[in-house]
């Protein structure tokens, strides 16, 4: 029986953890600011709901990045529904046909929750977002652009999480 107190085993485990940490790419977490949103429409927004909406919205950006980088529409399933999922799926499929890939690295989100429906079936938010966009053509980097824009998002609750139903860039 091998036990972790064995000095050689402990050294091996430590070496693997250290090297494993070095081999993994560092993914910077975006700076996130959420405006105070005690009352957003006719319904009071509870702190747990607010936290869940923000968490799930930010997770949708990660799913979007993976879907566009891998050209894999199934990456959208966990975080998108309705028209947002349809339009994003079309985008992923089109860029696949063209041999393109897109990478997003969101660096900043300034989120304002603006409306929570009376029945609790949707919440609307505005997000002033900054991100780096990379366009790859057959795995060759073609362009990098820093983008600042605002998105309107409408999220809908499902059994276990909030999903983005509408994601639309808006003029600033």
C-alpha atoms as a PDB file:
ATOM      1  CA  UNK A   1       0.000   0.000   0.000  1.00  0.00           C
ATOM      2  CA  UNK A   2       1.325   3.415  -0.970  1.00  0.00           C
ATOM      3  CA  UNK A   3       0.680   6.242   1.365  1.00  0.00           C
ATOM      4  CA  UNK A   4       1.088   9.968   0.731  1.00  0.00           C
ATOM      5  CA  UNK A   5       3.470  10.300   3.642  1.00  0.00           C
ATOM      6  CA  UNK A   6       6.139   8.409   1.694  1.00  0.00           C
ATOM      7  CA  UNK A   7       8.759  11.112   0.934  1.00  0.00           C
ATOM      8  CA  UNK A   8       9.291  10.097  -2.727  1.00  0.00           C
ATOM      9  CA  UNK A   9       5.550   9.907  -3.392  1.00  0.00           C
ATOM     10  CA  UNK A  10       4.969  13.264  -1.727  1.00  0.00           C
ATOM     11  CA  UNK A  11       7.740  14.815  -3.858  1.00  0.00           C
ATOM     12  CA  UNK A  12       6.257  13.281  -7.028  1.00  0.00           C
ATOM     13  CA  UNK A  13       2.765  14.580  -6.201  1.00  0.00           C
ATOM     14  CA  UNK A  14       4.188  18.041  -5.496  1.00  0.00           C
ATOM     15  CA  UNK A  15       6.137  18.021  -8.769  1.00  0.00           C
ATOM     16  CA  UNK A  16       3.053  16.971 -10.784  1.00  0.00           C
ATOM     17  CA  UNK A  17       0.910  19.647  -9.176  1.00  0.00           C
ATOM     18  CA  UNK A  18       3.551  22.295  -9.819  1.00  0.00           C
ATOM     19  CA  UNK A  19       4.157  21.294 -13.439  1.00  0.00           C
ATOM     20  CA  UNK A  20       0.434  20.838 -14.056  1.00  0.00           C
ATOM     21  CA  UNK A  21      -0.161  24.376 -12.857  1.00  0.00           C
ATOM     22  CA  UNK A  22       2.526  25.687 -15.202  1.00  0.00           C
ATOM     23  CA  UNK A  23       1.142  23.789 -18.171  1.00  0.00           C
ATOM     24  CA  UNK A  24      -2.346  25.230 -17.804  1.00  0.00           C
ATOM     25  CA  UNK A  25      -2.894  28.551 -19.581  1.00  0.00           C
ATOM     26  CA  UNK A  26      -3.661  31.471 -17.316  1.00  0.00           C
ATOM     27  CA  UNK A  27      -7.177  32.707 -17.988  1.00  0.00           C
ATOM     28  CA  UNK A  28      -7.740  36.174 -16.677  1.00  0.00           C
ATOM     29  CA  UNK A  29     -11.034  36.731 -14.976  1.00  0.00           C
ATOM     30  CA  UNK A  30     -12.859  39.844 -16.166  1.00  0.00           C
ATOM     31  CA  UNK A  31     -13.353  42.808 -13.879  1.00  0.00           C
ATOM     32  CA  UNK A  32     -17.052  42.809 -13.014  1.00  0.00           C
ATOM     33  CA  UNK A  33     -19.028  45.715 -11.590  1.00  0.00           C
ATOM     34  CA  UNK A  34     -22.735  45.342 -10.859  1.00  0.00           C
ATOM     35  CA  UNK A  35     -24.813  48.445 -10.194  1.00  0.00           C
ATOM     36  CA  UNK A  36     -27.031  48.438  -7.121  1.00  0.00           C
ATOM     37  CA  UNK A  37     -30.327  46.862  -8.136  1.00  0.00           C
ATOM     38  CA  UNK A  38     -32.629  46.578  -5.153  1.00  0.00           C
ATOM     39  CA  UNK A  39     -35.699  47.436  -7.205  1.00  0.00           C
ATOM     40  CA  UNK A  40     -35.780  46.745 -10.939  1.00  0.00           C
ATOM     41  CA  UNK A  41     -39.344  47.121 -11.984  1.00  0.00           C
ATOM     42  CA  UNK A  42     -42.439  45.938 -10.208  1.00  0.00           C
ATOM     43  CA  UNK A  43     -40.638  43.072  -8.475  1.00  0.00           C
ATOM     44  CA  UNK A  44     -37.985  43.187  -5.751  1.00  0.00           C
ATOM     45  CA  UNK A  45     -34.719  41.530  -6.710  1.00  0.00           C
ATOM     46  CA  UNK A  46     -33.485  39.220  -3.974  1.00  0.00           C
ATOM     47  CA  UNK A  47     -29.710  39.031  -3.368  1.00  0.00           C
ATOM     48  CA  UNK A  48     -29.619  35.307  -4.250  1.00  0.00           C
ATOM     49  CA  UNK A  49     -31.410  35.949  -7.560  1.00  0.00           C
ATOM     50  CA  UNK A  50     -29.113  38.866  -8.355  1.00  0.00           C
ATOM     51  CA  UNK A  51     -26.029  36.737  -7.691  1.00  0.00           C
ATOM     52  CA  UNK A  52     -27.374  33.828  -9.772  1.00  0.00           C
ATOM     53  CA  UNK A  53     -28.259  36.068 -12.730  1.00  0.00           C
ATOM     54  CA  UNK A  54     -24.816  37.681 -12.775  1.00  0.00           C
ATOM     55  CA  UNK A  55     -23.033  34.325 -12.337  1.00  0.00           C
ATOM     56  CA  UNK A  56     -25.016  32.674 -15.146  1.00  0.00           C
ATOM     57  CA  UNK A  57     -24.695  35.670 -17.461  1.00  0.00           C
ATOM     58  CA  UNK A  58     -20.905  35.684 -17.054  1.00  0.00           C
ATOM     59  CA  UNK A  59     -20.838  31.913 -17.626  1.00  0.00           C
ATOM     60  CA  UNK A  60     -22.688  32.504 -20.908  1.00  0.00           C
ATOM     61  CA  UNK A  61     -19.725  34.585 -22.122  1.00  0.00           C
ATOM     62  CA  UNK A  62     -17.421  31.641 -21.432  1.00  0.00           C
ATOM     63  CA  UNK A  63     -19.764  29.284 -23.311  1.00  0.00           C
ATOM     64  CA  UNK A  64     -19.984  31.715 -26.208  1.00  0.00           C
ATOM     65  CA  UNK A  65     -16.200  31.931 -26.387  1.00  0.00           C
ATOM     66  CA  UNK A  66     -15.829  28.134 -26.386  1.00  0.00           C
ATOM     67  CA  UNK A  67     -18.553  27.697 -29.027  1.00  0.00           C
ATOM     68  CA  UNK A  68     -16.950  30.211 -31.385  1.00  0.00           C
ATOM     69  CA  UNK A  69     -13.383  29.046 -30.741  1.00  0.00           C
ATOM     70  CA  UNK A  70     -14.247  25.352 -31.246  1.00  0.00           C
ATOM     71  CA  UNK A  71     -17.047  25.869 -33.814  1.00  0.00           C
ATOM     72  CA  UNK A  72     -19.229  23.708 -31.587  1.00  0.00           C
ATOM     73  CA  UNK A  73     -22.890  24.751 -31.228  1.00  0.00           C
ATOM     74  CA  UNK A  74     -23.473  22.302 -28.366  1.00  0.00           C
ATOM     75  CA  UNK A  75     -21.344  24.594 -26.161  1.00  0.00           C
ATOM     76  CA  UNK A  76     -24.285  27.022 -26.242  1.00  0.00           C
ATOM     77  CA  UNK A  77     -26.807  24.550 -24.792  1.00  0.00           C
ATOM     78  CA  UNK A  78     -26.152  25.174 -21.089  1.00  0.00           C
ATOM     79  CA  UNK A  79     -26.363  28.964 -21.189  1.00  0.00           C
ATOM     80  CA  UNK A  80     -28.523  30.049 -24.145  1.00  0.00           C
ATOM     81  CA  UNK A  81     -32.099  29.524 -25.262  1.00  0.00           C
ATOM     82  CA  UNK A  82     -34.567  30.978 -27.760  1.00  0.00           C
ATOM     83  CA  UNK A  83     -33.527  33.588 -30.289  1.00  0.00           C
ATOM     84  CA  UNK A  84     -30.072  34.098 -28.751  1.00  0.00           C
ATOM     85  CA  UNK A  85     -29.260  30.409 -29.153  1.00  0.00           C
ATOM     86  CA  UNK A  86     -30.656  30.344 -32.705  1.00  0.00           C
ATOM     87  CA  UNK A  87     -28.660  33.365 -33.878  1.00  0.00           C
ATOM     88  CA  UNK A  88     -25.444  32.302 -32.160  1.00  0.00           C
ATOM     89  CA  UNK A  89     -25.794  28.763 -33.548  1.00  0.00           C
ATOM     90  CA  UNK A  90     -26.149  30.216 -37.054  1.00  0.00           C
ATOM     91  CA  UNK A  91     -23.014  32.300 -36.491  1.00  0.00           C
ATOM     92  CA  UNK A  92     -21.012  29.281 -35.289  1.00  0.00           C
ATOM     93  CA  UNK A  93     -22.193  27.155 -38.226  1.00  0.00           C
ATOM     94  CA  UNK A  94     -21.402  29.893 -40.759  1.00  0.00           C
ATOM     95  CA  UNK A  95     -17.909  30.510 -39.466  1.00  0.00           C
ATOM     96  CA  UNK A  96     -17.299  26.722 -39.513  1.00  0.00           C
ATOM     97  CA  UNK A  97     -18.292  26.624 -43.202  1.00  0.00           C
ATOM     98  CA  UNK A  98     -15.849  29.466 -43.905  1.00  0.00           C
ATOM     99  CA  UNK A  99     -12.981  27.871 -41.959  1.00  0.00           C
ATOM    100  CA  UNK A 100     -12.970  30.680 -39.399  1.00  0.00           C
ATOM    101  CA  UNK A 101     -12.744  30.725 -35.623  1.00  0.00           C
ATOM    102  CA  UNK A 102     -13.296  33.575 -33.204  1.00  0.00           C
ATOM    103  CA  UNK A 103     -11.881  34.028 -29.728  1.00  0.00           C
ATOM    104  CA  UNK A 104     -13.226  36.414 -27.116  1.00  0.00           C
ATOM    105  CA  UNK A 105     -11.442  37.394 -23.927  1.00  0.00           C
ATOM    106  CA  UNK A 106     -13.774  39.569 -21.923  1.00  0.00           C
ATOM    107  CA  UNK A 107     -11.852  41.910 -19.631  1.00  0.00           C
ATOM    108  CA  UNK A 108     -14.554  44.114 -18.119  1.00  0.00           C
ATOM    109  CA  UNK A 109     -18.305  43.994 -17.497  1.00  0.00           C
ATOM    110  CA  UNK A 110     -20.260  46.916 -16.065  1.00  0.00           C
ATOM    111  CA  UNK A 111     -23.678  45.367 -15.485  1.00  0.00           C
ATOM    112  CA  UNK A 112     -26.932  47.145 -14.679  1.00  0.00           C
ATOM    113  CA  UNK A 113     -29.998  45.048 -13.967  1.00  0.00           C
ATOM    114  CA  UNK A 114     -32.819  47.153 -15.383  1.00  0.00           C
ATOM    115  CA  UNK A 115     -36.029  45.110 -15.287  1.00  0.00           C
ATOM    116  CA  UNK A 116     -37.334  42.056 -13.436  1.00  0.00           C
ATOM    117  CA  UNK A 117     -40.721  40.902 -14.706  1.00  0.00           C
ATOM    118  CA  UNK A 118     -43.615  40.736 -12.201  1.00  0.00           C
ATOM    119  CA  UNK A 119     -43.972  36.959 -12.605  1.00  0.00           C
ATOM    120  CA  UNK A 120     -40.183  36.411 -12.311  1.00  0.00           C
ATOM    121  CA  UNK A 121     -39.871  34.829 -15.762  1.00  0.00           C
ATOM    122  CA  UNK A 122     -37.331  37.247 -17.207  1.00  0.00           C
ATOM    123  CA  UNK A 123     -34.742  39.762 -16.186  1.00  0.00           C
ATOM    124  CA  UNK A 124     -33.211  42.391 -18.427  1.00  0.00           C
ATOM    125  CA  UNK A 125     -29.713  43.765 -18.041  1.00  0.00           C
ATOM    126  CA  UNK A 126     -27.402  46.180 -19.780  1.00  0.00           C
ATOM    127  CA  UNK A 127     -23.718  45.355 -19.934  1.00  0.00           C
ATOM    128  CA  UNK A 128     -21.004  47.804 -20.940  1.00  0.00           C
ATOM    129  CA  UNK A 129     -18.380  45.271 -21.876  1.00  0.00           C
ATOM    130  CA  UNK A 130     -14.787  45.356 -23.035  1.00  0.00           C
ATOM    131  CA  UNK A 131     -13.149  42.411 -24.750  1.00  0.00           C
ATOM    132  CA  UNK A 132     -10.383  41.351 -27.079  1.00  0.00           C
ATOM    133  CA  UNK A 133     -11.567  39.717 -30.270  1.00  0.00           C
ATOM    134  CA  UNK A 134      -9.294  37.488 -32.336  1.00  0.00           C
ATOM    135  CA  UNK A 135     -10.257  36.235 -35.784  1.00  0.00           C
ATOM    136  CA  UNK A 136      -8.525  33.100 -37.067  1.00  0.00           C
ATOM    137  CA  UNK A 137      -8.719  31.815 -40.630  1.00  0.00           C
ATOM    138  CA  UNK A 138      -7.799  28.123 -40.818  1.00  0.00           C
ATOM    139  CA  UNK A 139      -5.996  28.489 -37.454  1.00  0.00           C
ATOM    140  CA  UNK A 140      -3.950  31.474 -38.634  1.00  0.00           C
ATOM    141  CA  UNK A 141      -4.487  34.705 -36.687  1.00  0.00           C
ATOM    142  CA  UNK A 142      -5.868  37.342 -39.058  1.00  0.00           C
ATOM    143  CA  UNK A 143      -6.882  40.169 -36.743  1.00  0.00           C
ATOM    144  CA  UNK A 144      -7.079  41.251 -33.129  1.00  0.00           C
ATOM    145  CA  UNK A 145      -9.342  44.050 -31.994  1.00  0.00           C
ATOM    146  CA  UNK A 146     -10.140  45.648 -28.642  1.00  0.00           C
ATOM    147  CA  UNK A 147     -13.883  46.279 -28.450  1.00  0.00           C
ATOM    148  CA  UNK A 148     -15.980  48.380 -26.099  1.00  0.00           C
ATOM    149  CA  UNK A 149     -19.700  48.067 -26.588  1.00  0.00           C
ATOM    150  CA  UNK A 150     -22.962  47.648 -24.752  1.00  0.00           C
ATOM    151  CA  UNK A 151     -25.156  44.582 -24.770  1.00  0.00           C
ATOM    152  CA  UNK A 152     -28.787  44.197 -23.880  1.00  0.00           C
ATOM    153  CA  UNK A 153     -29.483  40.750 -22.462  1.00  0.00           C
ATOM    154  CA  UNK A 154     -32.707  39.117 -21.367  1.00  0.00           C
ATOM    155  CA  UNK A 155     -32.368  36.041 -19.192  1.00  0.00           C
ATOM    156  CA  UNK A 156     -34.997  33.412 -18.433  1.00  0.00           C
ATOM    157  CA  UNK A 157     -34.950  31.034 -15.464  1.00  0.00           C
ATOM    158  CA  UNK A 158     -34.815  27.303 -16.140  1.00  0.00           C
ATOM    159  CA  UNK A 159     -34.844  24.387 -13.719  1.00  0.00           C
ATOM    160  CA  UNK A 160     -31.377  25.083 -12.343  1.00  0.00           C
ATOM    161  CA  UNK A 161     -30.004  28.287 -13.868  1.00  0.00           C
ATOM    162  CA  UNK A 162     -30.723  31.466 -15.807  1.00  0.00           C
ATOM    163  CA  UNK A 163     -30.265  31.233 -19.589  1.00  0.00           C
ATOM    164  CA  UNK A 164     -29.693  34.099 -22.006  1.00  0.00           C
ATOM    165  CA  UNK A 165     -32.709  34.396 -24.303  1.00  0.00           C
ATOM    166  CA  UNK A 166     -31.752  37.666 -26.017  1.00  0.00           C
ATOM    167  CA  UNK A 167     -28.222  39.022 -26.478  1.00  0.00           C
ATOM    168  CA  UNK A 168     -28.041  42.099 -28.628  1.00  0.00           C
ATOM    169  CA  UNK A 169     -25.332  44.694 -29.126  1.00  0.00           C
ATOM    170  CA  UNK A 170     -26.746  48.194 -28.691  1.00  0.00           C
ATOM    171  CA  UNK A 171     -25.371  51.529 -29.879  1.00  0.00           C
ATOM    172  CA  UNK A 172     -23.658  53.533 -27.145  1.00  0.00           C
END
